[in-house]
Amino acid sequence: MAKRLQGKVALITGGARGIGAAAARLFSQHGAKVLIADIRSELGNSVATEIQSESGQPVSFVECDVSSDLDMLNAVDAVVSMHGKLDIMYSNAGIAGERFEFFNKDRAPGILSIDPQVFRKVFDVNVYGSFLAAKHVARVMVPKCSGTILFTGSAVTASYGLAPHNYTASKHAVVGLTKNLCVELGQFGIRVNCISPYAVMTPMAAEFAGCDEEAYKKRVLPDHLKLMRAEEVAEVALNMVSDESKYICGLNLLVDGGVCLKSA
């Protein structure tokens, strides 16, 4: 297998489970040195050890709350200290907020029932956390005039009424940040993109969907589509951060099997 990230160094936030863990594993298999940043210390260390054992590549973990400026600074400094550079920032950490049944507008909390503190927390992690990731990686990548930044968005940026207002608005903000950063950082050879999956069965989805996997699939997908796995989103992420995508910048790439065309 050709190693598409040979010699690269990657930092992945929210890398202890779900899409982030799948990306960490795949990036490592393709030759990248990986630092996983997450708030889940025990799980993150375990995942890092497991991936390193499988791939033979250096994989480490740092505890990090992405909504903390100091934590994000320390995470970026840690990876540069370990490996001397940082080529890839995959800003994947995110939360959904209050528990709800995904993609069921009859059950999603309306504007009158959303707790303002929960709304703020979603923005702190999803938007401010993405901003901090970009801010601290830019100070490393700009002097080198190279690098790539990838965000995890959501299909709620292309279709509406699928999720509560806080989650939907936060992911739209991430797409806006992606495009603005593309314009600013492109002159330094830094690519910035976003991938927006639909209905991935991750631990976060299981926690907030309020149903089991089979019911989730029946609710959110047409019969001809399979339920997407975190590993399949990781494949898209790999493509976006690899040199094969060196002319792609400012893109919000929907990974939805065309579902949003019907529901838009």
Protein backbone atom coordinates (compact mmCIF):
# COMPACT_ATOMS: atom_id res chain seq x y z
CA MET A 1 0.00 0.00 0.00
CA ALA A 2 1.36 3.40 -0.99
CA LYS A 3 1.79 5.53 2.10
CA ARG A 4 0.18 8.83 1.18
CA LEU A 5 1.28 10.70 4.32
CA GLN A 6 4.83 9.37 4.59
CA GLY A 7 6.95 11.84 6.56
CA LYS A 8 3.99 14.02 7.55
CA VAL A 9 3.10 15.09 11.09
CA ALA A 10 -0.58 15.37 12.03
CA LEU A 11 -2.48 16.73 15.02
CA ILE A 12 -6.05 15.45 15.39
CA THR A 13 -8.44 16.98 17.92
CA GLY A 14 -11.24 14.78 19.20
CA GLY A 15 -9.06 11.85 18.26
CA ALA A 16 -9.86 9.49 21.10
CA ARG A 17 -12.97 8.03 19.48
CA GLY A 18 -15.30 8.18 16.49
CA ILE A 19 -14.14 9.91 13.31
CA GLY A 20 -11.04 11.32 15.03
CA ALA A 21 -9.81 7.91 16.17
CA ALA A 22 -10.51 6.40 12.74
CA ALA A 23 -8.53 9.23 11.11
CA ALA A 24 -5.65 8.81 13.55
CA ARG A 25 -5.46 5.12 12.71
CA LEU A 26 -5.63 5.66 8.95
CA PHE A 27 -3.18 8.57 8.91
CA SER A 28 -0.75 6.47 10.92
CA GLN A 29 -1.14 3.52 8.53
CA HIS A 30 -0.21 5.92 5.73
CA GLY A 31 3.05 6.93 7.38
CA ALA A 32 2.11 10.00 9.44
CA LYS A 33 3.37 10.71 12.92
CA VAL A 34 0.20 11.51 14.88
CA LEU A 35 -0.65 13.40 18.04
CA ILE A 36 -4.16 12.80 19.37
CA ALA A 37 -5.66 15.67 21.40
CA ASP A 38 -8.80 14.98 23.42
CA ILE A 39 -10.37 15.54 26.83
CA ARG A 40 -10.65 11.76 27.39
CA SER A 41 -7.22 10.98 28.82
CA GLU A 42 -7.56 7.28 29.57
CA LEU A 43 -9.23 6.46 26.26
CA GLY A 44 -6.91 8.73 24.28
CA ASN A 45 -3.77 7.14 25.71
CA SER A 46 -5.17 3.68 25.08
CA VAL A 47 -6.07 4.47 21.46
CA ALA A 48 -2.66 6.06 20.81
CA THR A 49 -0.85 3.01 22.18
CA GLU A 50 -3.01 0.64 20.16
CA ILE A 51 -2.52 2.52 16.88
CA GLN A 52 1.23 2.82 17.37
CA SER A 53 1.44 -0.93 18.01
CA GLU A 54 -0.49 -1.62 14.79
CA SER A 55 1.28 0.80 12.48
CA GLY A 56 4.77 1.09 13.93
CA GLN A 57 4.53 4.89 13.56
CA PRO A 58 4.89 7.28 16.52
CA VAL A 59 1.45 8.03 17.96
CA SER A 60 1.07 10.07 21.13
CA PHE A 61 -1.65 11.69 23.17
CA VAL A 62 -2.12 15.02 24.90
CA GLU A 63 -5.07 15.96 27.08
CA CYS A 64 -6.71 18.99 25.53
CA ASP A 65 -9.92 20.95 25.89
CA VAL A 66 -10.19 22.61 22.48
CA SER A 67 -12.14 25.52 23.95
CA SER A 68 -9.09 26.41 26.08
CA ASP A 69 -6.59 28.74 24.42
CA LEU A 70 -3.80 27.44 26.65
CA ASP A 71 -4.63 23.79 25.97
CA MET A 72 -4.57 24.31 22.20
CA LEU A 73 -1.30 26.26 22.43
CA ASN A 74 0.22 23.42 24.46
CA ALA A 75 -1.04 20.76 22.04
CA VAL A 76 0.53 22.49 19.03
CA ASP A 77 3.75 23.16 20.94
CA ALA A 78 3.86 19.51 22.03
CA VAL A 79 3.67 18.09 18.52
CA VAL A 80 6.29 20.54 17.21
CA SER A 81 8.55 19.74 20.15
CA MET A 82 8.24 16.00 19.47
CA HIS A 83 8.56 16.03 15.68
CA GLY A 84 10.00 19.41 14.70
CA LYS A 85 7.08 20.43 12.50
CA LEU A 86 3.33 20.18 11.91
CA ASP A 87 1.96 19.45 8.45
CA ILE A 88 -1.68 18.56 9.13
CA MET A 89 -4.22 19.91 11.59
CA TYR A 90 -7.45 17.93 11.59
CA SER A 91 -9.80 19.96 13.80
CA ASN A 92 -12.41 17.30 14.41
CA ALA A 93 -13.51 17.80 18.04
CA GLY A 94 -17.15 18.73 18.43
CA ILE A 95 -20.25 18.22 20.53
CA ALA A 96 -23.95 18.04 19.72
CA GLY A 97 -25.29 19.71 22.86
CA GLU A 98 -28.48 18.47 24.41
CA ARG A 99 -29.68 14.93 23.82
CA PHE A 100 -32.01 14.68 20.87
CA GLU A 101 -33.13 12.31 18.16
CA PHE A 102 -30.94 13.23 15.20
CA PHE A 103 -32.69 14.26 12.03
CA ASN A 104 -36.14 14.08 13.59
CA LYS A 105 -37.50 17.61 13.54
CA ASP A 106 -40.52 16.58 15.60
CA ARG A 107 -38.19 15.69 18.47
CA ALA A 108 -35.36 18.22 18.10
CA PRO A 109 -35.49 20.99 20.73
CA GLY A 110 -37.13 24.16 19.46
CA ILE A 111 -35.92 27.70 20.03
CA LEU A 112 -37.99 28.06 23.19
CA SER A 113 -36.60 24.96 24.86
CA ILE A 114 -32.84 25.24 24.17
CA ASP A 115 -30.84 26.07 27.29
CA PRO A 116 -28.73 29.20 26.57
CA GLN A 117 -25.82 27.71 28.50
CA VAL A 118 -25.91 24.58 26.37
CA PHE A 119 -26.08 26.76 23.24
CA ARG A 120 -22.98 28.63 24.39
CA LYS A 121 -21.12 25.39 25.21
CA VAL A 122 -21.75 24.02 21.71
CA PHE A 123 -20.28 27.20 20.20
CA ASP A 124 -17.35 27.13 22.63
CA VAL A 125 -16.32 23.67 21.44
CA ASN A 126 -17.42 23.61 17.80
CA VAL A 127 -16.63 27.18 16.75
CA TYR A 128 -14.22 28.71 19.26
CA GLY A 129 -12.35 25.40 19.43
CA SER A 130 -11.98 25.40 15.64
CA PHE A 131 -10.78 29.00 15.72
CA LEU A 132 -8.17 28.22 18.37
CA ALA A 133 -6.94 25.19 16.44
CA ALA A 134 -6.48 27.33 13.33
CA LYS A 135 -4.89 30.19 15.27
CA HIS A 136 -2.22 28.08 16.91
CA VAL A 137 -1.42 25.94 13.89
CA ALA A 138 -1.14 29.05 11.70
CA ARG A 139 1.72 30.40 13.80
CA VAL A 140 3.61 27.19 12.98
CA MET A 141 2.59 26.77 9.34
CA VAL A 142 2.81 30.39 8.11
CA PRO A 143 6.60 30.69 8.59
CA LYS A 144 7.05 27.38 6.73
CA CYS A 145 4.64 28.42 3.93
CA SER A 146 3.05 24.97 3.88
CA GLY A 147 0.45 22.84 5.62
CA THR A 148 -3.17 21.83 5.54
CA ILE A 149 -6.05 22.45 7.94
CA LEU A 150 -9.17 20.30 7.83
CA PHE A 151 -12.37 20.79 9.82
CA THR A 152 -15.23 18.38 10.46
CA GLY A 153 -18.48 20.10 9.56
CA SER A 154 -21.85 18.46 9.07
CA ALA A 155 -24.51 17.87 6.44
CA VAL A 156 -26.67 20.31 8.42
CA THR A 157 -24.75 22.99 6.51
CA ALA A 158 -26.54 21.90 3.33
CA SER A 159 -30.01 20.95 4.58
CA TYR A 160 -32.17 22.33 7.35
CA GLY A 161 -34.42 21.19 10.16
CA LEU A 162 -32.20 18.16 10.74
CA ALA A 163 -30.76 19.14 14.12
CA PRO A 164 -31.18 21.75 16.88
CA HIS A 165 -30.34 25.38 16.17
CA ASN A 166 -27.13 25.43 18.23
CA TYR A 167 -25.53 22.50 16.42
CA THR A 168 -26.68 23.68 12.98
CA ALA A 169 -25.53 27.27 13.53
CA SER A 170 -22.17 26.14 14.91
CA LYS A 171 -21.40 23.99 11.88
CA HIS A 172 -22.35 26.83 9.52
CA ALA A 173 -19.87 28.97 11.43
CA VAL A 174 -17.16 26.35 10.90
CA VAL A 175 -17.79 26.44 7.14
CA GLY A 176 -17.56 30.25 7.18
CA LEU A 177 -14.29 30.03 9.10
CA THR A 178 -12.99 27.52 6.56
CA LYS A 179 -13.63 29.82 3.62
CA ASN A 180 -12.25 32.93 5.31
CA LEU A 181 -9.10 31.09 6.37
CA CYS A 182 -8.68 29.78 2.83
CA VAL A 183 -8.55 33.34 1.55
CA GLU A 184 -6.14 34.50 4.26
CA LEU A 185 -3.78 31.52 4.44
CA GLY A 186 -3.69 30.46 0.81
CA GLN A 187 -0.99 33.03 0.11
CA PHE A 188 1.23 31.08 2.52
CA GLY A 189 0.66 27.77 0.78
CA ILE A 190 -1.73 26.56 3.49
CA ARG A 191 -4.85 24.71 2.36
CA VAL A 192 -8.03 24.91 4.47
CA ASN A 193 -11.03 22.65 3.87
CA CYS A 194 -14.04 21.15 5.59
CA ILE A 195 -15.74 17.77 5.24
CA SER A 196 -19.42 17.51 6.15
CA PRO A 197 -20.72 13.98 6.70
CA TYR A 198 -24.32 12.89 7.07
CA ALA A 199 -25.51 10.31 9.59
CA VAL A 200 -22.31 8.65 10.78
CA MET A 201 -22.79 6.10 13.55
CA THR A 202 -20.26 7.40 16.08
CA PRO A 203 -20.30 7.28 19.89
CA MET A 204 -21.52 10.91 19.91
CA ALA A 205 -24.40 10.01 17.60
CA ALA A 206 -25.30 7.04 19.78
CA GLU A 207 -25.31 9.23 22.90
CA PHE A 208 -27.57 11.88 21.44
CA ALA A 209 -29.75 10.08 18.90
CA GLY A 210 -32.01 8.37 21.41
CA CYS A 211 -32.27 5.12 19.44
CA ASP A 212 -30.26 2.05 18.46
CA GLU A 213 -28.29 1.68 15.24
CA GLU A 214 -31.02 -0.04 13.26
CA ALA A 215 -33.67 2.52 14.20
CA TYR A 216 -31.19 5.30 13.46
CA LYS A 217 -30.58 3.95 9.97
CA LYS A 218 -34.28 3.60 9.20
CA ARG A 219 -34.93 7.14 10.37
CA VAL A 220 -32.17 8.95 8.53
CA LEU A 221 -31.33 7.02 5.35
CA PRO A 222 -33.12 5.96 2.18
CA ASP A 223 -33.19 2.20 1.63
CA HIS A 224 -30.44 2.18 -1.00
CA LEU A 225 -27.78 3.65 1.32
CA LYS A 226 -25.80 1.95 4.06
CA LEU A 227 -25.13 3.65 7.36
CA MET A 228 -21.79 5.42 7.06
CA ARG A 229 -18.95 4.41 9.36
CA ALA A 230 -16.28 6.62 10.91
CA GLU A 231 -13.66 4.75 8.88
CA GLU A 232 -15.32 5.87 5.65
CA VAL A 233 -15.21 9.52 6.72
CA ALA A 234 -11.55 9.00 7.65
CA GLU A 235 -10.89 7.88 4.06
CA VAL A 236 -12.26 11.21 2.83
CA ALA A 237 -10.16 13.08 5.39
CA LEU A 238 -7.05 11.22 4.21
CA ASN A 239 -7.72 12.27 0.64
CA MET A 240 -8.27 15.90 1.63
CA VAL A 241 -5.03 16.23 3.62
CA SER A 242 -2.83 14.30 1.19
CA ASP A 243 -0.82 15.83 -1.63
CA GLU A 244 -3.28 14.42 -4.16
CA SER A 245 -5.61 17.26 -3.11
CA LYS A 246 -2.98 20.00 -3.27
CA TYR A 247 -5.17 22.27 -5.43
CA ILE A 248 -8.29 21.90 -3.29
CA CYS A 249 -8.86 24.79 -0.88
CA GLY A 250 -11.91 26.46 0.63
CA LEU A 251 -14.17 23.46 -0.02
CA ASN A 252 -17.00 22.26 2.17
CA LEU A 253 -17.19 18.68 0.91
CA LEU A 254 -20.51 16.95 1.55
CA VAL A 255 -20.17 13.24 2.32
CA ASP A 256 -23.82 12.29 2.24
CA GLY A 257 -24.58 9.94 -0.64
CA GLY A 258 -26.69 12.69 -2.20
CA VAL A 259 -29.25 12.69 0.61
CA CYS A 260 -29.12 16.46 1.10
CA LEU A 261 -30.12 17.07 -2.51
CA LYS A 262 -33.47 15.49 -1.73
CA SER A 263 -33.98 17.11 1.67
CA ALA A 264 -32.73 20.61 0.77
